[in-house]
Amino acid sequence: MGRNMILRAPSGILPVRNRIARPGRPRIEFAPPRPMWRGLTPNRLGVSVEFETAICDRHGRIERVLQRGKNTITNTGMDSLASQSICDLINYLVLSSTNDARKRVMSGPTLTVTYTSPTNISVSSDVSFFVSADAGRTLKLPNVPELKITTYTSGTQVTCQTPSGDWLPGFVAPGSPTNYGVATIYYTNLNTLATYFTQFNTYDAGGQTELTDNANSRFIHERIFLSATVSGSDWTVNQLGWSDGNGSHNCFGIANLASPDVIPVGKKYRVKLDVYLVYTPLDQAGVSINWGATIGAYTCDIRSIYLGTATQSGYNYGAWLEPWRITNYVANTGQNLFSLYRTAAYTMTAVYWQGQTGGTAPDVNSWTSTGQVATLGAYTTGAYKRTKNIRWPDTVAITNATALGMGLNGWTTQLVMKPQSGTITKPSGYWCDWTVPIYWTRDLPT
């Protein structure tokens, strides 16, 4: 699959001290938030998108496979992940009769990069390489998360930043200017095809399939598009896009074909799209958490124990790492995720993948809901970062909890925090919470 788009839940659950939920000045002030897990392996979601094109006869039987490849996720696609399921973003196939440049590969120059801060990254070239249109595009360097070009100064100088304004968890910025002999600029700010001529969402038999491949830590979302019989004149396809069917034809992902696909009159066009959602679940041991003098400080193990599919229908519980996800689906109806706690004895279980063969699903009994729903922070366009908050509210007293969790009580508990010793007690009138930043990045095919 190559490198994947990585969706990250860091490195940091940010602790907030408890306070009295009564009018007037709080008895215990907020402590300055600080990352607690910086440098440790975060949650990850890798998204890899591959396609295959073919000519079919008028009955839809494959006559010849034409080509295979990968697509590049656009800025519109990245922003859409903040509020939409991946399943909704790939339901239409969009076609163009021409293509255009979507990237520029550096050949010859040496780039010198100075990482002053996540929002101030200076890039100099020893020969003219940059153009004014590069502002807003994406710069990819070896072993460096993608950078957004913010300012064009000259053919030899631009300024970049990380999309989120943070160093991504797991990346350590070099402390001195660093030279690179390989680089690519991707035109990810181009969200539409070169020349749109049609889009459709008709499928081959079995063309909307969701599979669980827990042996490879992934869900597979497959779409097999099948056009109507071509009439009037042959189709010439040079560029593919996938979208939610929006009227502006903005695409989640776009691919230039290596050579034109020509679909004769009387034939059908078949395009298979496979989206691999590859998760590395959260599993942290010995995390120090301090919720202040009243609730106390704890050393906890924190783990994702359940991952559900992204489909927004049926009984599909979703994964906490989807940026927009604060709901489960039960009988085709969205249900909020709540903060939970339990007082019965608890043993951490291995992660369970919805739909997997074998294994034991986590215990969904003996948990109590606080009635407090998980909430989403505001999203800034282009940041590819969104926060989620789980709160155990001041209206609920918790006595001798063996674990805290997040999920839908009676259906699924997805995320668990368990003290390594003792129990957690929180009196009424005080609250405690987790604020979790979620980052996502994309595969940029070579």
Foldseek 3Di string as FASTA:
>chain_A
DPFFWKKWWDQFWWWWAKFFPDPDDTPDHTDPTDGQRFQDDTKIKGKWKKKWKFWFFQVRHGDDTDDIDGWFFALVLLLVLLADFPLLFFQKKWFDQDADDFKDKDDDWKWKWAPPFQQWIKIFIPDQADDQVLQQWWKDAPPAFIWHFHADDGSGITTTHALQRHRDGNDDDDNGIDMGNIMMIGNRNPFAGPGTDDMDRAADVVQFDWDDDVVQQKIKTKGKDKARADDDFKGKTQKMFGGSPDPVRGGRIMDGDPHIDIHGGRMMMIMMMIIITHIDWDWDFQGWHANDDQFGIFGKIKTFAEAWDRDQADFTQHAPSSNNDQWTAHHNDTDGKFKKFAQDDDDDDHHDYVPDPDDDADDLPRIDGLPHGKDKDDDDRSNQKIKIKHKNDLQDWDDFTQKMFMGDRPRHTTMIIGGPDTGTTDHRSIMIMIIIMMGIGGDDDD
